[in-house]
PDB file of N, CA and C in Angstrom:
ATOM      1  N   MET A   1       0.849  -1.169   0.000  1.00  0.00           N
ATOM      2  CA  MET A   1       0.000   0.000   0.000  1.00  0.00           C
ATOM      3  C   MET A   1       0.898   1.236   0.000  1.00  0.00           C
ATOM      4  N   ARG A   2       0.602   2.201  -0.852  1.00  0.00           N
ATOM      5  CA  ARG A   2       1.376   3.438  -0.963  1.00  0.00           C
ATOM      6  C   ARG A   2       0.822   4.474   0.000  1.00  0.00           C
ATOM      7  N   HIS A   3       1.688   5.228   0.651  1.00  0.00           N
ATOM      8  CA  HIS A   3       1.285   6.312   1.534  1.00  0.00           C
ATOM      9  C   HIS A   3       1.592   7.641   0.869  1.00  0.00           C
ATOM     10  N   VAL A   4       0.810   8.653   1.185  1.00  0.00           N
ATOM     11  CA  VAL A   4       1.035   9.987   0.643  1.00  0.00           C
ATOM     12  C   VAL A   4       1.205  10.966   1.786  1.00  0.00           C
ATOM     13  N   THR A   5       1.856  12.074   1.534  1.00  0.00           N
ATOM     14  CA  THR A   5       1.959  13.160   2.488  1.00  0.00           C
ATOM     15  C   THR A   5       0.814  14.117   2.208  1.00  0.00           C
ATOM     16  N   VAL A   6       0.097  14.505   3.255  1.00  0.00           N
ATOM     17  CA  VAL A   6      -1.056  15.382   3.096  1.00  0.00           C
ATOM     18  C   VAL A   6      -0.750  16.720   3.743  1.00  0.00           C
ATOM     19  N   VAL A   7      -1.029  17.802   3.030  1.00  0.00           N
ATOM     20  CA  VAL A   7      -0.738  19.150   3.487  1.00  0.00           C
ATOM     21  C   VAL A   7      -2.016  19.977   3.437  1.00  0.00           C
ATOM     22  N   ALA A   8      -2.322  20.716   4.502  1.00  0.00           N
ATOM     23  CA  ALA A   8      -3.505  21.582   4.509  1.00  0.00           C
ATOM     24  C   ALA A   8      -3.094  23.018   4.242  1.00  0.00           C
ATOM     25  N   THR A   9      -3.862  23.672   3.426  1.00  0.00           N
ATOM     26  CA  THR A   9      -3.725  25.106   3.222  1.00  0.00           C
ATOM     27  C   THR A   9      -5.108  25.704   3.451  1.00  0.00           C
ATOM     28  N   LEU A  10      -5.223  26.996   3.441  1.00  0.00           N
ATOM     29  CA  LEU A  10      -6.517  27.629   3.652  1.00  0.00           C
ATOM     30  C   LEU A  10      -7.500  27.158   2.589  1.00  0.00           C
ATOM     31  N   PHE A  11      -8.592  26.510   3.017  1.00  0.00           N
ATOM     32  CA  PHE A  11      -9.666  26.007   2.153  1.00  0.00           C
ATOM     33  C   PHE A  11      -9.268  24.855   1.248  1.00  0.00           C
ATOM     34  N   ALA A  12      -8.109  24.223   1.436  1.00  0.00           N
ATOM     35  CA  ALA A  12      -7.726  23.149   0.529  1.00  0.00           C
ATOM     36  C   ALA A  12      -6.919  22.081   1.247  1.00  0.00           C
ATOM     37  N   VAL A  13      -6.982  20.875   0.739  1.00  0.00           N
ATOM     38  CA  VAL A  13      -6.145  19.774   1.185  1.00  0.00           C
ATOM     39  C   VAL A  13      -5.411  19.249  -0.038  1.00  0.00           C
ATOM     40  N   LEU A  14      -4.101  19.120   0.058  1.00  0.00           N
ATOM     41  CA  LEU A  14      -3.280  18.650  -1.040  1.00  0.00           C
ATOM     42  C   LEU A  14      -2.638  17.332  -0.656  1.00  0.00           C
ATOM     43  N   ALA A  15      -2.470  16.436  -1.598  1.00  0.00           N
ATOM     44  CA  ALA A  15      -1.740  15.190  -1.356  1.00  0.00           C
ATOM     45  C   ALA A  15      -0.521  15.167  -2.263  1.00  0.00           C
ATOM     46  N   VAL A  16       0.632  14.847  -1.690  1.00  0.00           N
ATOM     47  CA  VAL A  16       1.870  14.779  -2.446  1.00  0.00           C
ATOM     48  C   VAL A  16       2.582  13.472  -2.125  1.00  0.00           C
ATOM     49  N   ALA A  17       3.285  12.937  -3.092  1.00  0.00           N
ATOM     50  CA  ALA A  17       4.029  11.698  -2.906  1.00  0.00           C
ATOM     51  C   ALA A  17       5.498  12.033  -2.671  1.00  0.00           C
ATOM     52  N   LEU A  18       6.119  11.387  -1.734  1.00  0.00           N
ATOM     53  CA  LEU A  18       7.543  11.559  -1.500  1.00  0.00           C
ATOM     54  C   LEU A  18       8.313  10.708  -2.492  1.00  0.00           C
ATOM     55  N   PRO A  19       9.548  10.975  -2.839  1.00  0.00           N
ATOM     56  CA  PRO A  19      10.390  12.053  -2.374  1.00  0.00           C
ATOM     57  C   PRO A  19      10.294  13.320  -3.202  1.00  0.00           C
ATOM     58  N   GLY A  20       9.721  13.295  -4.408  1.00  0.00           N
ATOM     59  CA  GLY A  20       9.711  14.460  -5.277  1.00  0.00           C
ATOM     60  C   GLY A  20       8.693  15.517  -4.937  1.00  0.00           C
ATOM     61  N   GLN A  21       7.737  15.240  -4.035  1.00  0.00           N
ATOM     62  CA  GLN A  21       6.718  16.193  -3.607  1.00  0.00           C
ATOM     63  C   GLN A  21       5.867  16.712  -4.759  1.00  0.00           C
ATOM     64  N   THR A  22       5.485  15.834  -5.682  1.00  0.00           N
ATOM     65  CA  THR A  22       4.598  16.200  -6.776  1.00  0.00           C
ATOM     66  C   THR A  22       3.151  16.127  -6.295  1.00  0.00           C
ATOM     67  N   GLN A  23       2.359  17.131  -6.614  1.00  0.00           N
ATOM     68  CA  GLN A  23       0.954  17.130  -6.189  1.00  0.00           C
ATOM     69  C   GLN A  23       0.208  15.997  -6.872  1.00  0.00           C
ATOM     70  N   ILE A  24      -0.505  15.187  -6.074  1.00  0.00           N
ATOM     71  CA  ILE A  24      -1.288  14.079  -6.602  1.00  0.00           C
ATOM     72  C   ILE A  24      -2.736  14.502  -6.790  1.00  0.00           C
ATOM     73  N   TRP A  25      -3.304  15.161  -5.785  1.00  0.00           N
ATOM     74  CA  TRP A  25      -4.666  15.674  -5.883  1.00  0.00           C
ATOM     75  C   TRP A  25      -4.825  16.882  -4.991  1.00  0.00           C
ATOM     76  N   ARG A  26      -5.918  17.605  -5.234  1.00  0.00           N
ATOM     77  CA  ARG A  26      -6.213  18.799  -4.449  1.00  0.00           C
ATOM     78  C   ARG A  26      -7.719  18.864  -4.250  1.00  0.00           C
ATOM     79  N   VAL A  27      -8.137  19.092  -3.018  1.00  0.00           N
ATOM     80  CA  VAL A  27      -9.558  19.224  -2.695  1.00  0.00           C
ATOM     81  C   VAL A  27      -9.754  20.597  -2.083  1.00  0.00           C
ATOM     82  N   ILE A  28     -10.734  21.347  -2.568  1.00  0.00           N
ATOM     83  CA  ILE A  28     -11.005  22.687  -2.075  1.00  0.00           C
ATOM     84  C   ILE A  28     -12.370  22.696  -1.407  1.00  0.00           C
ATOM     85  N   GLY A  29     -12.450  23.289  -0.209  1.00  0.00           N
ATOM     86  CA  GLY A  29     -13.719  23.397   0.501  1.00  0.00           C
ATOM     87  C   GLY A  29     -14.730  24.205  -0.292  1.00  0.00           C
ATOM     88  N   THR A  30     -16.005  23.890  -0.112  1.00  0.00           N
ATOM     89  CA  THR A  30     -17.053  24.537  -0.901  1.00  0.00           C
ATOM     90  C   THR A  30     -17.762  25.664  -0.171  1.00  0.00           C
ATOM     91  N   GLN A  31     -17.567  25.790   1.142  1.00  0.00           N
ATOM     92  CA  GLN A  31     -18.211  26.860   1.901  1.00  0.00           C
ATOM     93  C   GLN A  31     -17.154  27.861   2.349  1.00  0.00           C
ATOM     94  N   LEU A  32     -17.445  29.143   2.196  1.00  0.00           N
ATOM     95  CA  LEU A  32     -16.530  30.185   2.634  1.00  0.00           C
ATOM     96  C   LEU A  32     -16.342  30.101   4.142  1.00  0.00           C
ATOM     97  N   ASN A  33     -15.105  30.150   4.607  1.00  0.00           N
ATOM     98  CA  ASN A  33     -14.746  30.133   6.026  1.00  0.00           C
ATOM     99  C   ASN A  33     -15.155  28.860   6.765  1.00  0.00           C
ATOM    100  N   ASN A  34     -15.293  27.736   6.070  1.00  0.00           N
ATOM    101  CA  ASN A  34     -15.673  26.515   6.784  1.00  0.00           C
ATOM    102  C   ASN A  34     -14.469  25.775   7.361  1.00  0.00           C
ATOM    103  N   GLN A  35     -13.298  26.340   7.223  1.00  0.00           N
ATOM    104  CA  GLN A  35     -12.070  25.789   7.790  1.00  0.00           C
ATOM    105  C   GLN A  35     -11.812  24.362   7.323  1.00  0.00           C
ATOM    106  N   PHE A  36     -12.141  24.064   6.069  1.00  0.00           N
ATOM    107  CA  PHE A  36     -11.852  22.759   5.502  1.00  0.00           C
ATOM    108  C   PHE A  36     -10.357  22.502   5.576  1.00  0.00           C
ATOM    109  N   GLY A  37      -9.977  21.378   6.138  1.00  0.00           N
ATOM    110  CA  GLY A  37      -8.562  21.057   6.317  1.00  0.00           C
ATOM    111  C   GLY A  37      -8.013  21.554   7.633  1.00  0.00           C
ATOM    112  N   GLY A  38      -8.892  22.019   8.543  1.00  0.00           N
ATOM    113  CA  GLY A  38      -8.442  22.521   9.840  1.00  0.00           C
ATOM    114  C   GLY A  38      -7.657  21.495  10.627  1.00  0.00           C
ATOM    115  N   PHE A  39      -8.094  20.254  10.591  1.00  0.00           N
ATOM    116  CA  PHE A  39      -7.371  19.139  11.200  1.00  0.00           C
ATOM    117  C   PHE A  39      -7.278  18.023  10.178  1.00  0.00           C
ATOM    118  N   LEU A  40      -6.127  17.362  10.118  1.00  0.00           N
ATOM    119  CA  LEU A  40      -5.867  16.265   9.192  1.00  0.00           C
ATOM    120  C   LEU A  40      -5.313  15.073   9.948  1.00  0.00           C
ATOM    121  N   ALA A  41      -5.625  13.885   9.467  1.00  0.00           N
ATOM    122  CA  ALA A  41      -5.016  12.679  10.013  1.00  0.00           C
ATOM    123  C   ALA A  41      -4.931  11.629   8.908  1.00  0.00           C
ATOM    124  N   PRO A  42      -3.715  11.275   8.479  1.00  0.00           N
ATOM    125  CA  PRO A  42      -3.593  10.140   7.566  1.00  0.00           C
ATOM    126  C   PRO A  42      -4.090   8.899   8.296  1.00  0.00           C
ATOM    127  N   LEU A  43      -5.019   8.177   7.716  1.00  0.00           N
ATOM    128  CA  LEU A  43      -5.658   7.071   8.413  1.00  0.00           C
ATOM    129  C   LEU A  43      -4.735   5.880   8.599  1.00  0.00           C
ATOM    130  N   GLY A  44      -3.847   5.628   7.649  1.00  0.00           N
ATOM    131  CA  GLY A  44      -2.968   4.473   7.776  1.00  0.00           C
ATOM    132  C   GLY A  44      -3.597   3.199   7.249  1.00  0.00           C
ATOM    133  N   SER A  45      -4.863   3.261   6.871  1.00  0.00           N
ATOM    134  CA  SER A  45      -5.573   2.128   6.285  1.00  0.00           C
ATOM    135  C   SER A  45      -6.220   2.567   4.978  1.00  0.00           C
ATOM    136  N   ASP A  46      -6.506   1.582   4.148  1.00  0.00           N
ATOM    137  CA  ASP A  46      -7.097   1.831   2.841  1.00  0.00           C
ATOM    138  C   ASP A  46      -8.555   1.370   2.864  1.00  0.00           C
ATOM    139  N   ILE A  47      -9.471   2.254   3.249  1.00  0.00           N
ATOM    140  CA  ILE A  47     -10.890   1.904   3.397  1.00  0.00           C
ATOM    141  C   ILE A  47     -11.520   1.524   2.066  1.00  0.00           C
ATOM    142  N   ASP A  48     -11.185   2.256   0.995  1.00  0.00           N
ATOM    143  CA  ASP A  48     -11.814   1.994  -0.299  1.00  0.00           C
ATOM    144  C   ASP A  48     -11.055   0.986  -1.166  1.00  0.00           C
ATOM    145  N   ASN A  49     -10.015   0.377  -0.603  1.00  0.00           N
ATOM    146  CA  ASN A  49      -9.273  -0.708  -1.273  1.00  0.00           C
ATOM    147  C   ASN A  49      -8.714  -0.318  -2.641  1.00  0.00           C
ATOM    148  N   ASP A  50      -8.185   0.924  -2.740  1.00  0.00           N
ATOM    149  CA  ASP A  50      -7.590   1.339  -4.010  1.00  0.00           C
ATOM    150  C   ASP A  50      -6.058   1.289  -3.975  1.00  0.00           C
ATOM    151  N   GLY A  51      -5.494   0.780  -2.865  1.00  0.00           N
ATOM    152  CA  GLY A  51      -4.053   0.621  -2.764  1.00  0.00           C
ATOM    153  C   GLY A  51      -3.324   1.773  -2.108  1.00  0.00           C
ATOM    154  N   VAL A  52      -4.041   2.836  -1.692  1.00  0.00           N
ATOM    155  CA  VAL A  52      -3.419   3.993  -1.062  1.00  0.00           C
ATOM    156  C   VAL A  52      -4.151   4.293   0.241  1.00  0.00           C
ATOM    157  N   ALA A  53      -3.396   4.529   1.316  1.00  0.00           N
ATOM    158  CA  ALA A  53      -4.005   4.840   2.611  1.00  0.00           C
ATOM    159  C   ALA A  53      -4.858   6.104   2.505  1.00  0.00           C
ATOM    160  N   ASP A  54      -6.002   6.098   3.171  1.00  0.00           N
ATOM    161  CA  ASP A  54      -6.949   7.205   3.085  1.00  0.00           C
ATOM    162  C   ASP A  54      -6.669   8.270   4.147  1.00  0.00           C
ATOM    163  N   VAL A  55      -7.387   9.397   4.070  1.00  0.00           N
ATOM    164  CA  VAL A  55      -7.104  10.582   4.867  1.00  0.00           C
ATOM    165  C   VAL A  55      -8.388  11.083   5.528  1.00  0.00           C
ATOM    166  N   LEU A  56      -8.282  11.534   6.781  1.00  0.00           N
ATOM    167  CA  LEU A  56      -9.386  12.197   7.475  1.00  0.00           C
ATOM    168  C   LEU A  56      -9.117  13.693   7.496  1.00  0.00           C
ATOM    169  N   VAL A  57     -10.158  14.490   7.298  1.00  0.00           N
ATOM    170  CA  VAL A  57     -10.037  15.947   7.316  1.00  0.00           C
ATOM    171  C   VAL A  57     -11.304  16.526   7.938  1.00  0.00           C
ATOM    172  N   THR A  58     -11.173  17.634   8.639  1.00  0.00           N
ATOM    173  CA  THR A  58     -12.343  18.244   9.275  1.00  0.00           C
ATOM    174  C   THR A  58     -12.754  19.531   8.557  1.00  0.00           C
ATOM    175  N   SER A  59     -13.994  19.919   8.801  1.00  0.00           N
ATOM    176  CA  SER A  59     -14.510  21.214   8.362  1.00  0.00           C
ATOM    177  C   SER A  59     -15.647  21.596   9.290  1.00  0.00           C
ATOM    178  N   ARG A  60     -16.114  22.825   9.165  1.00  0.00           N
ATOM    179  CA  ARG A  60     -17.274  23.277   9.921  1.00  0.00           C
ATOM    180  C   ARG A  60     -18.478  23.312   8.989  1.00  0.00           C
ATOM    181  N   ASP A  61     -19.648  22.988   9.533  1.00  0.00           N
ATOM    182  CA  ASP A  61     -20.880  23.008   8.746  1.00  0.00           C
ATOM    183  C   ASP A  61     -21.668  24.250   9.134  1.00  0.00           C
ATOM    184  N   PHE A  62     -21.685  25.238   8.246  1.00  0.00           N
ATOM    185  CA  PHE A  62     -22.418  26.473   8.516  1.00  0.00           C
ATOM    186  C   PHE A  62     -23.787  26.481   7.843  1.00  0.00           C
ATOM    187  N   LEU A  63     -24.227  25.326   7.361  1.00  0.00           N
ATOM    188  CA  LEU A  63     -25.492  25.285   6.632  1.00  0.00           C
ATOM    189  C   LEU A  63     -26.641  24.740   7.479  1.00  0.00           C
ATOM    190  N   GLY A  64     -26.555  24.882   8.792  1.00  0.00           N
ATOM    191  CA  GLY A  64     -27.710  24.508   9.595  1.00  0.00           C
ATOM    192  C   GLY A  64     -27.443  23.689  10.833  1.00  0.00           C
ATOM    193  N   THR A  65     -26.498  22.745  10.786  1.00  0.00           N
ATOM    194  CA  THR A  65     -26.321  21.868  11.951  1.00  0.00           C
ATOM    195  C   THR A  65     -25.487  22.513  13.040  1.00  0.00           C
ATOM    196  N   GLY A  66     -24.551  23.377  12.671  1.00  0.00           N
ATOM    197  CA  GLY A  66     -23.645  23.959  13.652  1.00  0.00           C
ATOM    198  C   GLY A  66     -22.587  22.987  14.143  1.00  0.00           C
ATOM    199  N   LEU A  67     -22.568  21.769  13.607  1.00  0.00           N
ATOM    200  CA  LEU A  67     -21.598  20.756  14.007  1.00  0.00           C
ATOM    201  C   LEU A  67     -20.359  20.816  13.118  1.00  0.00           C
ATOM    202  N   ASP A  68     -19.256  20.299  13.640  1.00  0.00           N
ATOM    203  CA  ASP A  68     -18.086  20.096  12.805  1.00  0.00           C
ATOM    204  C   ASP A  68     -18.254  18.764  12.095  1.00  0.00           C
ATOM    205  N   LEU A  69     -17.612  18.636  10.959  1.00  0.00           N
ATOM    206  CA  LEU A  69     -17.715  17.423  10.156  1.00  0.00           C
ATOM    207  C   LEU A  69     -16.354  16.765  10.021  1.00  0.00           C
ATOM    208  N   VAL A  70     -16.324  15.443  10.032  1.00  0.00           N
ATOM    209  CA  VAL A  70     -15.115  14.685   9.738  1.00  0.00           C
ATOM    210  C   VAL A  70     -15.358  13.976   8.420  1.00  0.00           C
ATOM    211  N   HIS A  71     -14.473  14.231   7.448  1.00  0.00           N
ATOM    212  CA  HIS A  71     -14.604  13.669   6.110  1.00  0.00           C
ATOM    213  C   HIS A  71     -13.524  12.614   5.903  1.00  0.00           C
ATOM    214  N   LEU A  72     -13.881  11.518   5.281  1.00  0.00           N
ATOM    215  CA  LEU A  72     -12.927  10.496   4.873  1.00  0.00           C
ATOM    216  C   LEU A  72     -12.701  10.671   3.377  1.00  0.00           C
ATOM    217  N   LEU A  73     -11.439  10.949   3.000  1.00  0.00           N
ATOM    218  CA  LEU A  73     -11.076  11.164   1.604  1.00  0.00           C
ATOM    219  C   LEU A  73     -10.220  10.017   1.099  1.00  0.00           C
ATOM    220  N   SER A  74     -10.397   9.656  -0.149  1.00  0.00           N
ATOM    221  CA  SER A  74      -9.560   8.646  -0.778  1.00  0.00           C
ATOM    222  C   SER A  74      -8.131   9.160  -0.871  1.00  0.00           C
ATOM    223  N   GLY A  75      -7.182   8.345  -0.446  1.00  0.00           N
ATOM    224  CA  GLY A  75      -5.777   8.730  -0.554  1.00  0.00           C
ATOM    225  C   GLY A  75      -5.293   8.777  -1.990  1.00  0.00           C
ATOM    226  N   ARG A  76      -5.921   8.022  -2.861  1.00  0.00           N
ATOM    227  CA  ARG A  76      -5.504   7.994  -4.272  1.00  0.00           C
ATOM    228  C   ARG A  76      -6.036   9.181  -5.055  1.00  0.00           C
ATOM    229  N   THR A  77      -7.334   9.517  -4.873  1.00  0.00           N
ATOM    230  CA  THR A  77      -7.963  10.533  -5.725  1.00  0.00           C
ATOM    231  C   THR A  77      -8.401  11.795  -4.983  1.00  0.00           C
ATOM    232  N   GLY A  78      -8.498  11.731  -3.651  1.00  0.00           N
ATOM    233  CA  GLY A  78      -9.014  12.864  -2.889  1.00  0.00           C
ATOM    234  C   GLY A  78     -10.529  12.931  -2.886  1.00  0.00           C
ATOM    235  N   SER A  79     -11.185  11.963  -3.512  1.00  0.00           N
ATOM    236  CA  SER A  79     -12.650  11.993  -3.563  1.00  0.00           C
ATOM    237  C   SER A  79     -13.245  11.695  -2.193  1.00  0.00           C
ATOM    238  N   LEU A  80     -14.407  12.262  -1.935  1.00  0.00           N
ATOM    239  CA  LEU A  80     -15.092  12.088  -0.663  1.00  0.00           C
ATOM    240  C   LEU A  80     -15.677  10.684  -0.581  1.00  0.00           C
ATOM    241  N   LEU A  81     -15.301   9.945   0.474  1.00  0.00           N
ATOM    242  CA  LEU A  81     -15.831   8.606   0.681  1.00  0.00           C
ATOM    243  C   LEU A  81     -16.993   8.620   1.663  1.00  0.00           C
ATOM    244  N   ARG A  82     -16.837   9.373   2.756  1.00  0.00           N
ATOM    245  CA  ARG A  82     -17.880   9.453   3.781  1.00  0.00           C
ATOM    246  C   ARG A  82     -17.723  10.747   4.560  1.00  0.00           C
ATOM    247  N   THR A  83     -18.815  11.178   5.211  1.00  0.00           N
ATOM    248  CA  THR A  83     -18.798  12.331   6.103  1.00  0.00           C
ATOM    249  C   THR A  83     -19.605  11.985   7.341  1.00  0.00           C
ATOM    250  N   ALA A  84     -19.097  12.399   8.501  1.00  0.00           N
ATOM    251  CA  ALA A  84     -19.823  12.177   9.759  1.00  0.00           C
ATOM    252  C   ALA A  84     -19.814  13.474  10.570  1.00  0.00           C
ATOM    253  N   PRO A  85     -20.963  13.861  11.143  1.00  0.00           N
ATOM    254  CA  PRO A  85     -21.010  15.053  11.991  1.00  0.00           C
ATOM    255  C   PRO A  85     -20.512  14.739  13.400  1.00  0.00           C
ATOM    256  N   PHE A  86     -19.834  15.700  14.000  1.00  0.00           N
ATOM    257  CA  PHE A  86     -19.382  15.605  15.380  1.00  0.00           C
ATOM    258  C   PHE A  86     -19.685  16.932  16.051  1.00  0.00           C
ATOM    259  N   GLY A  87     -19.420  17.021  17.339  1.00  0.00           N
ATOM    260  CA  GLY A  87     -19.584  18.284  18.049  1.00  0.00           C
ATOM    261  C   GLY A  87     -18.537  19.276  17.581  1.00  0.00           C
ATOM    262  N   GLN A  88     -17.921  19.967  18.454  1.00  0.00           N
ATOM    263  CA  GLN A  88     -16.878  20.924  18.104  1.00  0.00           C
ATOM    264  C   GLN A  88     -15.532  20.215  18.144  1.00  0.00           C
ATOM    265  N   VAL A  89     -15.010  19.865  16.975  1.00  0.00           N
ATOM    266  CA  VAL A  89     -13.750  19.134  16.866  1.00  0.00           C
ATOM    267  C   VAL A  89     -12.587  20.067  17.150  1.00  0.00           C
ATOM    268  N   ARG A  90     -11.692  19.640  18.032  1.00  0.00           N
ATOM    269  CA  ARG A  90     -10.497  20.421  18.354  1.00  0.00           C
ATOM    270  C   ARG A  90      -9.214  19.657  18.081  1.00  0.00           C
ATOM    271  N   SER A  91      -9.321  18.355  17.803  1.00  0.00           N
ATOM    272  CA  SER A  91      -8.156  17.560  17.418  1.00  0.00           C
ATOM    273  C   SER A  91      -8.629  16.291  16.727  1.00  0.00           C
ATOM    274  N   LEU A  92      -7.750  15.730  15.929  1.00  0.00           N
ATOM    275  CA  LEU A  92      -8.070  14.535  15.156  1.00  0.00           C
ATOM    276  C   LEU A  92      -6.792  13.733  15.005  1.00  0.00           C
ATOM    277  N   ALA A  93      -6.835  12.440  15.279  1.00  0.00           N
ATOM    278  CA  ALA A  93      -5.637  11.614  15.168  1.00  0.00           C
ATOM    279  C   ALA A  93      -6.020  10.189  14.797  1.00  0.00           C
ATOM    280  N   ALA A  94      -5.255   9.605  13.887  1.00  0.00           N
ATOM    281  CA  ALA A  94      -5.422   8.185  13.578  1.00  0.00           C
ATOM    282  C   ALA A  94      -4.664   7.394  14.636  1.00  0.00           C
ATOM    283  N   ARG A  95      -5.123   6.186  14.895  1.00  0.00           N
ATOM    284  CA  ARG A  95      -4.421   5.305  15.827  1.00  0.00           C
ATOM    285  C   ARG A  95      -4.527   3.877  15.327  1.00  0.00           C
ATOM    286  N   GLU A  96      -3.941   2.954  16.050  1.00  0.00           N
ATOM    287  CA  GLU A  96      -3.975   1.563  15.608  1.00  0.00           C
ATOM    288  C   GLU A  96      -5.404   1.014  15.637  1.00  0.00           C
ATOM    289  N   ASP A  97      -5.559  -0.154  15.132  1.00  0.00           N
ATOM    290  CA  ASP A  97      -6.853  -0.824  15.060  1.00  0.00           C
ATOM    291  C   ASP A  97      -7.339  -1.180  16.470  1.00  0.00           C
ATOM    292  N   VAL A  98      -8.409  -0.541  16.924  1.00  0.00           N
ATOM    293  CA  VAL A  98      -8.945  -0.764  18.270  1.00  0.00           C
ATOM    294  C   VAL A  98      -9.906  -1.945  18.305  1.00  0.00           C
ATOM    295  N   ASP A  99     -10.727  -2.084  17.273  1.00  0.00           N
ATOM    296  CA  ASP A  99     -11.786  -3.102  17.310  1.00  0.00           C
ATOM    297  C   ASP A  99     -11.428  -4.409  16.602  1.00  0.00           C
ATOM    298  N   GLY A 100     -10.189  -4.532  16.105  1.00  0.00           N
ATOM    299  CA  GLY A 100      -9.736  -5.795  15.540  1.00  0.00           C
ATOM    300  C   GLY A 100     -10.238  -6.110  14.143  1.00  0.00           C
ATOM    301  N   ASP A 101     -10.712  -5.100  13.386  1.00  0.00           N
ATOM    302  CA  ASP A 101     -11.214  -5.375  12.042  1.00  0.00           C
ATOM    303  C   ASP A 101     -10.150  -5.193  10.959  1.00  0.00           C
ATOM    304  N   GLY A 102      -8.901  -4.891  11.377  1.00  0.00           N
ATOM    305  CA  GLY A 102      -7.813  -4.726  10.424  1.00  0.00           C
ATOM    306  C   GLY A 102      -7.706  -3.343   9.830  1.00  0.00           C
ATOM    307  N   VAL A 103      -8.519  -2.381  10.293  1.00  0.00           N
ATOM    308  CA  VAL A 103      -8.519  -1.013   9.787  1.00  0.00           C
ATOM    309  C   VAL A 103      -8.159  -0.063  10.918  1.00  0.00           C
ATOM    310  N   SER A 104      -7.251   0.898  10.640  1.00  0.00           N
ATOM    311  CA  SER A 104      -6.891   1.885  11.653  1.00  0.00           C
ATOM    312  C   SER A 104      -8.127   2.657  12.096  1.00  0.00           C
ATOM    313  N   ASP A 105      -8.229   2.951  13.380  1.00  0.00           N
ATOM    314  CA  ASP A 105      -9.325   3.737  13.913  1.00  0.00           C
ATOM    315  C   ASP A 105      -8.806   5.129  14.227  1.00  0.00           C
ATOM    316  N   TYR A 106      -9.637   6.023  14.732  1.00  0.00           N
ATOM    317  CA  TYR A 106      -9.181   7.379  14.966  1.00  0.00           C
ATOM    318  C   TYR A 106      -9.811   7.973  16.210  1.00  0.00           C
ATOM    319  N   LEU A 107      -9.188   9.032  16.699  1.00  0.00           N
ATOM    320  CA  LEU A 107      -9.643   9.774  17.872  1.00  0.00           C
ATOM    321  C   LEU A 107     -10.133  11.138  17.429  1.00  0.00           C
ATOM    322  N   VAL A 108     -11.257  11.552  17.986  1.00  0.00           N
ATOM    323  CA  VAL A 108     -11.761  12.900  17.745  1.00  0.00           C
ATOM    324  C   VAL A 108     -11.854  13.580  19.099  1.00  0.00           C
ATOM    325  N   GLY A 109     -11.075  14.629  19.286  1.00  0.00           N
ATOM    326  CA  GLY A 109     -11.123  15.403  20.520  1.00  0.00           C
ATOM    327  C   GLY A 109     -11.956  16.644  20.306  1.00  0.00           C
ATOM    328  N   GLY A 110     -12.781  16.950  21.286  1.00  0.00           N
ATOM    329  CA  GLY A 110     -13.638  18.117  21.139  1.00  0.00           C
ATOM    330  C   GLY A 110     -13.881  18.798  22.460  1.00  0.00           C
ATOM    331  N   VAL A 111     -14.717  19.822  22.409  1.00  0.00           N
ATOM    332  CA  VAL A 111     -15.087  20.540  23.617  1.00  0.00           C
ATOM    333  C   VAL A 111     -15.854  19.577  24.513  1.00  0.00           C
ATOM    334  N   GLY A 112     -15.315  19.307  25.702  1.00  0.00           N
ATOM    335  CA  GLY A 112     -16.002  18.455  26.664  1.00  0.00           C
ATOM    336  C   GLY A 112     -15.718  16.976  26.563  1.00  0.00           C
ATOM    337  N   GLY A 113     -14.821  16.516  25.691  1.00  0.00           N
ATOM    338  CA  GLY A 113     -14.563  15.089  25.665  1.00  0.00           C
ATOM    339  C   GLY A 113     -13.737  14.602  24.502  1.00  0.00           C
ATOM    340  N   LEU A 114     -13.500  13.303  24.522  1.00  0.00           N
ATOM    341  CA  LEU A 114     -12.726  12.606  23.509  1.00  0.00           C
ATOM    342  C   LEU A 114     -13.548  11.417  23.055  1.00  0.00           C
ATOM    343  N   GLN A 115     -13.560  11.154  21.780  1.00  0.00           N
ATOM    344  CA  GLN A 115     -14.321  10.034  21.250  1.00  0.00           C
ATOM    345  C   GLN A 115     -13.398   9.161  20.435  1.00  0.00           C
ATOM    346  N   ILE A 116     -13.427   7.848  20.674  1.00  0.00           N
ATOM    347  CA  ILE A 116     -12.705   6.881  19.848  1.00  0.00           C
ATOM    348  C   ILE A 116     -13.720   6.353  18.848  1.00  0.00           C
ATOM    349  N   VAL A 117     -13.372   6.438  17.583  1.00  0.00           N
ATOM    350  CA  VAL A 117     -14.299   6.048  16.532  1.00  0.00           C
ATOM    351  C   VAL A 117     -13.673   4.951  15.691  1.00  0.00           C
ATOM    352  N   VAL A 118     -14.413   3.899  15.425  1.00  0.00           N
ATOM    353  CA  VAL A 118     -13.923   2.852  14.542  1.00  0.00           C
ATOM    354  C   VAL A 118     -14.136   3.315  13.108  1.00  0.00           C
ATOM    355  N   SER A 119     -13.169   3.081  12.264  1.00  0.00           N
ATOM    356  CA  SER A 119     -13.178   3.638  10.909  1.00  0.00           C
ATOM    357  C   SER A 119     -14.366   3.189  10.079  1.00  0.00           C
ATOM    358  N   ARG A 120     -14.814   1.981  10.251  1.00  0.00           N
ATOM    359  CA  ARG A 120     -15.944   1.486   9.447  1.00  0.00           C
ATOM    360  C   ARG A 120     -17.232   2.229   9.803  1.00  0.00           C
ATOM    361  N   ALA A 121     -17.284   2.838  11.008  1.00  0.00           N
ATOM    362  CA  ALA A 121     -18.489   3.526  11.436  1.00  0.00           C
ATOM    363  C   ALA A 121     -18.613   4.916  10.827  1.00  0.00           C
ATOM    364  N   LEU A 122     -17.521   5.452  10.300  1.00  0.00           N
ATOM    365  CA  LEU A 122     -17.573   6.813   9.737  1.00  0.00           C
ATOM    366  C   LEU A 122     -18.400   6.835   8.483  1.00  0.00           C
TER     367      LEU A 122
END
């Protein structure tokens, strides 16, 4: 499985392959000031089975829910695989497989608590 380096810029997430640092894909947030790419976590697992580890990225939802969103992006193409709403996300980190399904899980830290989420549930 190939891994990519993921870099966040204002309103965008870029994926680059080492060592030459050539841009592989770029995803731009669709809402003004939604802080797309505010937190990133390379998942370490390939959820969509395309041969490249996938990426988690956060944004804010200003279209009604008031919740922060965690998006699962394909490591190969940057396409959106899944989105899940959370409270106010303040940190995001991938970790080893907690539930034994062979897929890396992740931690979402927010105002008032920490949540361990299994990747298949996203």
